[in-house]
N, C-alpha and C. Protein backbone atom coordinates (compact mmCIF):
# COMPACT_ATOMS: atom_id res chain seq x y z
N MET A 1 0.84 -1.19 0.00
CA MET A 1 0.00 0.00 0.00
C MET A 1 0.88 1.25 0.00
N ALA A 2 0.49 2.21 -0.78
CA ALA A 2 1.28 3.44 -0.89
C ALA A 2 1.21 4.24 0.41
N GLU A 3 2.25 5.00 0.68
CA GLU A 3 2.27 5.84 1.87
C GLU A 3 1.22 6.94 1.73
N ALA A 4 0.49 7.20 2.80
CA ALA A 4 -0.58 8.20 2.79
C ALA A 4 -0.03 9.58 2.48
N ARG A 5 -0.87 10.38 1.85
CA ARG A 5 -0.48 11.73 1.41
C ARG A 5 -0.01 12.60 2.57
N ILE A 6 -0.63 12.49 3.75
CA ILE A 6 -0.20 13.31 4.88
C ILE A 6 1.26 13.04 5.21
N PHE A 7 1.65 11.79 5.19
CA PHE A 7 3.04 11.44 5.51
C PHE A 7 3.99 11.85 4.38
N GLN A 8 3.51 11.75 3.14
CA GLN A 8 4.29 12.24 2.00
C GLN A 8 4.52 13.74 2.11
N ASP A 9 3.47 14.49 2.46
CA ASP A 9 3.58 15.95 2.62
C ASP A 9 4.61 16.31 3.70
N LEU A 10 4.48 15.65 4.84
CA LEU A 10 5.38 15.95 5.96
C LEU A 10 6.82 15.57 5.62
N LYS A 11 7.00 14.41 5.00
CA LYS A 11 8.35 13.97 4.61
C LYS A 11 8.95 14.92 3.58
N ALA A 12 8.15 15.40 2.63
CA ALA A 12 8.65 16.36 1.64
C ALA A 12 9.13 17.64 2.32
N ASP A 13 8.37 18.12 3.31
CA ASP A 13 8.82 19.27 4.09
C ASP A 13 10.13 18.97 4.80
N HIS A 14 10.20 17.80 5.44
CA HIS A 14 11.42 17.43 6.16
C HIS A 14 12.62 17.40 5.21
N ASP A 15 12.44 16.87 4.03
CA ASP A 15 13.54 16.80 3.06
C ASP A 15 14.01 18.20 2.68
N ARG A 16 13.08 19.13 2.46
CA ARG A 16 13.45 20.52 2.15
C ARG A 16 14.17 21.15 3.34
N GLN A 17 13.70 20.86 4.52
CA GLN A 17 14.31 21.43 5.73
C GLN A 17 15.72 20.89 5.94
N ARG A 18 15.93 19.63 5.65
CA ARG A 18 17.28 19.07 5.77
C ARG A 18 18.26 19.82 4.85
N VAL A 19 17.82 20.10 3.64
CA VAL A 19 18.66 20.85 2.68
C VAL A 19 18.94 22.25 3.22
N MET A 20 17.92 22.90 3.72
CA MET A 20 18.09 24.26 4.25
C MET A 20 19.05 24.28 5.44
N LEU A 21 18.91 23.31 6.33
CA LEU A 21 19.80 23.21 7.48
C LEU A 21 21.24 23.03 7.03
N GLU A 22 21.44 22.19 6.03
CA GLU A 22 22.78 21.95 5.50
C GLU A 22 23.36 23.23 4.88
N GLU A 23 22.55 23.93 4.11
CA GLU A 23 23.01 25.17 3.47
C GLU A 23 23.45 26.20 4.50
N ILE A 24 22.66 26.36 5.55
CA ILE A 24 23.02 27.32 6.59
C ILE A 24 24.30 26.89 7.30
N GLY A 25 24.41 25.60 7.58
CA GLY A 25 25.60 25.09 8.26
C GLY A 25 26.88 25.27 7.45
N GLU A 26 26.74 25.39 6.14
CA GLU A 26 27.90 25.59 5.27
C GLU A 26 28.31 27.05 5.12
N THR A 27 27.50 27.98 5.62
CA THR A 27 27.88 29.40 5.53
C THR A 27 29.03 29.64 6.49
N SER A 28 29.82 30.65 6.17
CA SER A 28 31.02 30.89 7.00
C SER A 28 31.01 32.29 7.62
N GLY A 29 29.88 32.66 8.18
CA GLY A 29 29.83 33.89 8.94
C GLY A 29 29.34 35.11 8.18
N GLU A 30 29.27 35.03 6.85
CA GLU A 30 28.79 36.18 6.11
C GLU A 30 27.33 36.41 6.47
N GLY A 31 27.05 37.54 7.02
CA GLY A 31 25.75 37.82 7.59
C GLY A 31 24.60 37.82 6.61
N GLU A 32 24.78 38.39 5.44
CA GLU A 32 23.67 38.55 4.51
C GLU A 32 23.14 37.22 4.00
N GLN A 33 24.03 36.34 3.54
CA GLN A 33 23.59 35.04 3.03
C GLN A 33 22.99 34.20 4.14
N ARG A 34 23.69 34.13 5.26
CA ARG A 34 23.21 33.33 6.40
C ARG A 34 21.87 33.87 6.89
N SER A 35 21.75 35.17 6.97
CA SER A 35 20.51 35.78 7.44
C SER A 35 19.34 35.45 6.53
N ALA A 36 19.54 35.53 5.23
CA ALA A 36 18.46 35.22 4.28
C ALA A 36 18.06 33.76 4.37
N LEU A 37 19.05 32.87 4.44
CA LEU A 37 18.75 31.44 4.55
C LEU A 37 18.06 31.12 5.87
N PHE A 38 18.53 31.72 6.95
CA PHE A 38 17.93 31.45 8.25
C PHE A 38 16.51 31.97 8.33
N ASP A 39 16.27 33.15 7.78
CA ASP A 39 14.92 33.71 7.80
C ASP A 39 13.95 32.79 7.07
N LYS A 40 14.37 32.26 5.95
CA LYS A 40 13.54 31.33 5.19
C LYS A 40 13.29 30.05 6.00
N LEU A 41 14.34 29.51 6.62
CA LEU A 41 14.20 28.31 7.45
C LEU A 41 13.29 28.56 8.64
N ARG A 42 13.49 29.67 9.32
CA ARG A 42 12.69 29.99 10.50
C ARG A 42 11.20 29.98 10.16
N LYS A 43 10.85 30.65 9.09
CA LYS A 43 9.44 30.71 8.68
C LYS A 43 8.92 29.32 8.31
N GLU A 44 9.74 28.58 7.60
CA GLU A 44 9.36 27.22 7.20
C GLU A 44 9.12 26.33 8.41
N LEU A 45 10.02 26.37 9.39
CA LEU A 45 9.87 25.53 10.58
C LEU A 45 8.66 25.93 11.41
N GLN A 46 8.45 27.23 11.56
CA GLN A 46 7.28 27.68 12.32
C GLN A 46 5.99 27.24 11.63
N ALA A 47 5.90 27.42 10.32
CA ALA A 47 4.69 27.07 9.58
C ALA A 47 4.46 25.56 9.58
N HIS A 48 5.53 24.82 9.36
CA HIS A 48 5.44 23.35 9.34
C HIS A 48 4.92 22.84 10.68
N ALA A 49 5.54 23.31 11.77
CA ALA A 49 5.16 22.83 13.10
C ALA A 49 3.69 23.14 13.39
N ALA A 50 3.27 24.35 13.12
CA ALA A 50 1.89 24.73 13.40
C ALA A 50 0.91 23.90 12.58
N ALA A 51 1.17 23.75 11.29
CA ALA A 51 0.27 22.98 10.42
C ALA A 51 0.26 21.51 10.81
N GLU A 52 1.42 20.98 11.18
CA GLU A 52 1.50 19.58 11.60
C GLU A 52 0.73 19.36 12.90
N GLU A 53 0.86 20.31 13.83
CA GLU A 53 0.14 20.19 15.10
C GLU A 53 -1.36 20.28 14.90
N GLU A 54 -1.81 21.13 13.99
CA GLU A 54 -3.24 21.32 13.75
C GLU A 54 -3.85 20.17 12.95
N SER A 55 -3.03 19.41 12.28
CA SER A 55 -3.55 18.29 11.49
C SER A 55 -3.23 16.97 12.21
N LEU A 56 -2.06 16.44 11.98
CA LEU A 56 -1.70 15.13 12.50
C LEU A 56 -1.71 15.05 14.02
N TYR A 57 -1.04 15.99 14.68
CA TYR A 57 -0.92 15.89 16.13
C TYR A 57 -2.26 16.02 16.83
N ALA A 58 -3.13 16.90 16.35
CA ALA A 58 -4.44 17.07 16.98
C ALA A 58 -5.21 15.75 16.95
N THR A 59 -5.12 15.06 15.84
CA THR A 59 -5.80 13.77 15.72
C THR A 59 -5.14 12.71 16.60
N MET A 60 -3.82 12.70 16.62
CA MET A 60 -3.10 11.74 17.45
C MET A 60 -3.38 11.94 18.94
N LEU A 61 -3.48 13.20 19.35
CA LEU A 61 -3.75 13.49 20.77
C LEU A 61 -5.11 12.94 21.20
N ALA A 62 -6.02 12.84 20.27
CA ALA A 62 -7.36 12.31 20.59
C ALA A 62 -7.41 10.79 20.58
N CYS A 63 -6.32 10.16 20.20
CA CYS A 63 -6.25 8.70 20.10
C CYS A 63 -5.35 8.17 21.22
N PRO A 64 -5.90 7.44 22.18
CA PRO A 64 -5.10 6.99 23.32
C PRO A 64 -3.82 6.25 22.94
N ASP A 65 -3.83 5.45 21.87
CA ASP A 65 -2.64 4.70 21.49
C ASP A 65 -1.54 5.57 20.91
N LEU A 66 -1.88 6.77 20.49
CA LEU A 66 -0.90 7.66 19.83
C LEU A 66 -0.59 8.91 20.66
N ARG A 67 -1.30 9.10 21.75
CA ARG A 67 -1.21 10.34 22.53
C ARG A 67 0.20 10.63 23.03
N ASP A 68 0.88 9.64 23.58
CA ASP A 68 2.21 9.89 24.14
C ASP A 68 3.20 10.34 23.07
N GLU A 69 3.15 9.71 21.90
CA GLU A 69 4.05 10.12 20.81
C GLU A 69 3.76 11.55 20.38
N ALA A 70 2.48 11.89 20.30
CA ALA A 70 2.12 13.26 19.90
C ALA A 70 2.58 14.28 20.93
N ARG A 71 2.39 13.98 22.19
CA ARG A 71 2.84 14.89 23.25
C ARG A 71 4.35 15.10 23.18
N HIS A 72 5.07 14.02 22.99
CA HIS A 72 6.52 14.10 22.88
C HIS A 72 6.93 15.00 21.71
N SER A 73 6.28 14.83 20.59
CA SER A 73 6.61 15.64 19.41
C SER A 73 6.24 17.10 19.60
N VAL A 74 5.12 17.37 20.24
CA VAL A 74 4.74 18.76 20.52
C VAL A 74 5.80 19.42 21.40
N SER A 75 6.30 18.69 22.39
CA SER A 75 7.33 19.26 23.27
C SER A 75 8.62 19.53 22.49
N GLU A 76 8.93 18.68 21.52
CA GLU A 76 10.11 18.92 20.69
C GLU A 76 9.91 20.12 19.77
N HIS A 77 8.70 20.33 19.29
CA HIS A 77 8.42 21.54 18.50
C HIS A 77 8.67 22.79 19.34
N LYS A 78 8.23 22.75 20.59
CA LYS A 78 8.44 23.89 21.49
C LYS A 78 9.93 24.12 21.71
N GLU A 79 10.68 23.06 21.87
CA GLU A 79 12.13 23.18 22.06
C GLU A 79 12.77 23.84 20.85
N VAL A 80 12.41 23.42 19.66
CA VAL A 80 12.97 24.00 18.44
C VAL A 80 12.54 25.46 18.31
N ASP A 81 11.29 25.76 18.64
CA ASP A 81 10.82 27.14 18.59
C ASP A 81 11.63 28.02 19.55
N ASP A 82 11.94 27.51 20.72
CA ASP A 82 12.77 28.25 21.67
C ASP A 82 14.17 28.50 21.10
N TYR A 83 14.74 27.48 20.46
CA TYR A 83 16.05 27.66 19.81
C TYR A 83 15.96 28.76 18.75
N LEU A 84 14.92 28.72 17.94
CA LEU A 84 14.76 29.73 16.89
C LEU A 84 14.65 31.13 17.51
N GLY A 85 13.92 31.24 18.61
CA GLY A 85 13.80 32.52 19.30
C GLY A 85 15.15 33.02 19.79
N GLU A 86 15.97 32.13 20.32
CA GLU A 86 17.31 32.52 20.77
C GLU A 86 18.17 32.95 19.59
N LEU A 87 18.09 32.21 18.49
CA LEU A 87 18.89 32.53 17.31
C LEU A 87 18.52 33.89 16.72
N VAL A 88 17.25 34.24 16.75
CA VAL A 88 16.80 35.54 16.25
C VAL A 88 17.47 36.67 17.04
N GLU A 89 17.70 36.45 18.31
CA GLU A 89 18.26 37.47 19.19
C GLU A 89 19.78 37.60 19.10
N LEU A 90 20.46 36.57 18.61
CA LEU A 90 21.93 36.58 18.57
C LEU A 90 22.45 37.23 17.29
N ASP A 91 23.70 37.69 17.35
CA ASP A 91 24.40 38.21 16.16
C ASP A 91 24.66 37.04 15.23
N ILE A 92 24.05 37.09 14.06
CA ILE A 92 24.10 35.96 13.12
C ILE A 92 25.50 35.68 12.59
N THR A 93 26.42 36.62 12.74
CA THR A 93 27.79 36.40 12.27
C THR A 93 28.70 35.85 13.36
N SER A 94 28.16 35.67 14.57
CA SER A 94 29.00 35.25 15.70
C SER A 94 29.17 33.74 15.78
N SER A 95 30.24 33.34 16.45
CA SER A 95 30.47 31.91 16.69
C SER A 95 29.41 31.37 17.64
N GLU A 96 28.91 32.22 18.54
CA GLU A 96 27.85 31.81 19.47
C GLU A 96 26.59 31.43 18.68
N TRP A 97 26.25 32.23 17.65
CA TRP A 97 25.08 31.94 16.81
C TRP A 97 25.27 30.58 16.14
N LEU A 98 26.43 30.37 15.55
CA LEU A 98 26.67 29.12 14.82
C LEU A 98 26.61 27.92 15.76
N ALA A 99 27.16 28.05 16.95
CA ALA A 99 27.11 26.94 17.92
C ALA A 99 25.66 26.64 18.31
N LYS A 100 24.87 27.68 18.56
CA LYS A 100 23.46 27.50 18.92
C LYS A 100 22.69 26.89 17.74
N PHE A 101 23.00 27.34 16.53
CA PHE A 101 22.35 26.79 15.34
C PHE A 101 22.65 25.30 15.21
N LYS A 102 23.89 24.92 15.44
CA LYS A 102 24.27 23.51 15.32
C LYS A 102 23.55 22.66 16.37
N GLU A 103 23.36 23.19 17.57
CA GLU A 103 22.57 22.49 18.60
C GLU A 103 21.14 22.29 18.11
N MET A 104 20.56 23.38 17.62
CA MET A 104 19.17 23.32 17.13
C MET A 104 19.06 22.36 15.97
N ARG A 105 20.00 22.40 15.04
CA ARG A 105 19.96 21.50 13.88
C ARG A 105 20.01 20.05 14.34
N HIS A 106 20.89 19.74 15.26
CA HIS A 106 21.01 18.38 15.79
C HIS A 106 19.68 17.92 16.40
N ARG A 107 19.09 18.77 17.24
CA ARG A 107 17.82 18.42 17.89
C ARG A 107 16.70 18.26 16.87
N TYR A 108 16.66 19.14 15.87
CA TYR A 108 15.59 19.07 14.88
C TYR A 108 15.74 17.84 13.99
N LEU A 109 16.96 17.54 13.58
CA LEU A 109 17.17 16.35 12.76
C LEU A 109 16.78 15.09 13.53
N HIS A 110 17.10 15.05 14.81
CA HIS A 110 16.68 13.94 15.66
C HIS A 110 15.15 13.85 15.67
N HIS A 111 14.50 14.98 15.83
CA HIS A 111 13.03 15.04 15.88
C HIS A 111 12.40 14.50 14.60
N ILE A 112 12.86 14.97 13.45
CA ILE A 112 12.21 14.53 12.21
C ILE A 112 12.55 13.08 11.87
N ASP A 113 13.74 12.64 12.23
CA ASP A 113 14.07 11.22 12.04
C ASP A 113 13.15 10.35 12.90
N GLU A 114 12.94 10.76 14.14
CA GLU A 114 12.07 10.04 15.05
C GLU A 114 10.62 10.00 14.52
N GLU A 115 10.16 11.14 14.02
CA GLU A 115 8.81 11.17 13.43
C GLU A 115 8.69 10.17 12.29
N GLU A 116 9.64 10.23 11.37
CA GLU A 116 9.56 9.40 10.17
C GLU A 116 9.74 7.91 10.48
N GLU A 117 10.61 7.58 11.42
CA GLU A 117 10.91 6.18 11.71
C GLU A 117 9.96 5.53 12.71
N GLU A 118 9.38 6.33 13.62
CA GLU A 118 8.56 5.77 14.68
C GLU A 118 7.13 6.28 14.66
N MET A 119 6.96 7.59 14.68
CA MET A 119 5.63 8.15 14.84
C MET A 119 4.75 7.96 13.61
N PHE A 120 5.26 8.25 12.42
CA PHE A 120 4.44 8.10 11.22
C PHE A 120 3.99 6.65 11.03
N PRO A 121 4.88 5.66 11.19
CA PRO A 121 4.40 4.28 11.07
C PRO A 121 3.33 3.91 12.11
N SER A 122 3.49 4.37 13.35
CA SER A 122 2.47 4.11 14.38
C SER A 122 1.14 4.73 14.00
N ALA A 123 1.18 5.96 13.54
CA ALA A 123 -0.05 6.64 13.15
C ALA A 123 -0.69 5.95 11.95
N ALA A 124 0.13 5.53 11.00
CA ALA A 124 -0.39 4.87 9.80
C ALA A 124 -1.10 3.56 10.15
N GLU A 125 -0.61 2.86 11.15
CA GLU A 125 -1.25 1.61 11.58
C GLU A 125 -2.60 1.85 12.24
N THR A 126 -2.74 3.00 12.88
CA THR A 126 -3.92 3.28 13.68
C THR A 126 -5.00 4.06 12.94
N LEU A 127 -4.59 5.02 12.12
CA LEU A 127 -5.55 5.91 11.45
C LEU A 127 -6.14 5.26 10.21
N SER A 128 -7.40 5.57 9.95
CA SER A 128 -8.06 5.07 8.75
C SER A 128 -7.58 5.84 7.52
N ASP A 129 -7.81 5.27 6.36
CA ASP A 129 -7.47 5.95 5.11
C ASP A 129 -8.20 7.28 5.00
N ASP A 130 -9.46 7.30 5.41
CA ASP A 130 -10.23 8.55 5.37
C ASP A 130 -9.63 9.60 6.29
N ALA A 131 -9.24 9.18 7.48
CA ALA A 131 -8.62 10.12 8.43
C ALA A 131 -7.32 10.67 7.86
N GLU A 132 -6.51 9.81 7.28
CA GLU A 132 -5.24 10.25 6.69
C GLU A 132 -5.48 11.24 5.55
N ALA A 133 -6.48 10.99 4.72
CA ALA A 133 -6.80 11.91 3.61
C ALA A 133 -7.26 13.26 4.16
N ARG A 134 -8.08 13.23 5.19
CA ARG A 134 -8.57 14.47 5.81
C ARG A 134 -7.41 15.26 6.42
N LEU A 135 -6.48 14.57 7.07
CA LEU A 135 -5.32 15.22 7.67
C LEU A 135 -4.46 15.90 6.61
N ALA A 136 -4.30 15.25 5.47
CA ALA A 136 -3.53 15.85 4.38
C ALA A 136 -4.19 17.14 3.92
N GLU A 137 -5.51 17.12 3.80
CA GLU A 137 -6.24 18.32 3.39
C GLU A 137 -6.06 19.45 4.39
N VAL A 138 -6.15 19.12 5.67
CA VAL A 138 -5.97 20.13 6.71
C VAL A 138 -4.55 20.69 6.65
N PHE A 139 -3.56 19.82 6.56
CA PHE A 139 -2.17 20.27 6.51
C PHE A 139 -1.93 21.15 5.29
N GLU A 140 -2.38 20.72 4.14
CA GLU A 140 -2.15 21.46 2.90
C GLU A 140 -2.86 22.81 2.89
N ARG A 141 -3.97 22.90 3.59
CA ARG A 141 -4.70 24.17 3.69
C ARG A 141 -4.03 25.09 4.72
N ARG A 142 -3.56 24.52 5.83
CA ARG A 142 -2.98 25.32 6.93
C ARG A 142 -1.57 25.81 6.64
N LYS A 143 -0.78 25.03 5.96
CA LYS A 143 0.64 25.40 5.79
C LYS A 143 0.81 26.77 5.14
N PRO A 144 0.15 27.09 4.02
CA PRO A 144 0.31 28.43 3.44
C PRO A 144 -0.13 29.54 4.39
N ARG A 145 -1.20 29.31 5.13
CA ARG A 145 -1.65 30.31 6.12
C ARG A 145 -0.62 30.50 7.21
N GLU A 146 -0.03 29.40 7.65
CA GLU A 146 0.98 29.48 8.71
C GLU A 146 2.25 30.17 8.21
N LEU A 147 2.57 30.02 6.94
CA LEU A 147 3.71 30.76 6.38
C LEU A 147 3.45 32.26 6.43
N GLU A 148 2.23 32.67 6.15
CA GLU A 148 1.87 34.09 6.24
C GLU A 148 2.01 34.59 7.67
N ILE A 149 1.57 33.80 8.62
CA ILE A 149 1.68 34.18 10.04
C ILE A 149 3.15 34.28 10.44
N ALA A 150 3.97 33.34 9.98
CA ALA A 150 5.40 33.33 10.33
C ALA A 150 6.13 34.54 9.76
N GLU A 151 5.61 35.11 8.68
CA GLU A 151 6.19 36.35 8.13
C GLU A 151 6.16 37.46 9.16
N LYS A 152 5.13 37.46 10.00
CA LYS A 152 4.89 38.56 10.93
C LYS A 152 5.23 38.23 12.37
N GLN A 153 5.34 36.94 12.69
CA GLN A 153 5.47 36.52 14.08
C GLN A 153 6.79 35.80 14.31
N LEU A 154 7.57 36.31 15.24
CA LEU A 154 8.85 35.69 15.56
C LEU A 154 8.64 34.47 16.47
N PRO A 155 9.62 33.57 16.51
CA PRO A 155 9.51 32.38 17.35
C PRO A 155 9.89 32.66 18.79
N GLY A 156 9.66 31.64 19.61
CA GLY A 156 10.12 31.65 20.99
C GLY A 156 9.61 32.82 21.80
N ASP A 157 10.43 33.29 22.70
CA ASP A 157 10.05 34.37 23.61
C ASP A 157 10.05 35.73 22.92
N ALA A 158 10.53 35.81 21.67
CA ALA A 158 10.58 37.07 20.95
C ALA A 158 9.23 37.45 20.35
N ARG A 159 8.23 36.59 20.51
CA ARG A 159 6.90 36.89 19.95
C ARG A 159 6.30 38.10 20.64
N GLU A 160 5.56 38.87 19.85
CA GLU A 160 4.89 40.06 20.40
C GLU A 160 3.61 39.69 21.07
């Protein structure tokens, strides 16, 4: 059976995010390039997390067999959002920024690997085909809206 569209959507986002994380990690302190790449990543991560929480996680939280995994992932989203908030406040050309970015990248890569290897298969076993199709629709509708919100709203404690 083919992988459900919701998981394909989320994995496609993860793949784009992995590339973005790599590109930022390869910058060597030049503020303009790093800043542009980070701003794009920040918005992408904020939008992805919000849309994922409103679609897949909301459904998983309502399912006793999936609740613990969803709670764990929500807490990891908060952790990454906090990292993003700290990074927004730091001088993007500093070694401190790069060290904090590398911590965040490590944590986020762990998070998405865990989702893809453990959480998505568990959810796929439990959710019906109809539920998975509905979740894809919710995610695909929410993600563009969340990108618009991320344009105006900073992560972490820097939010207005």
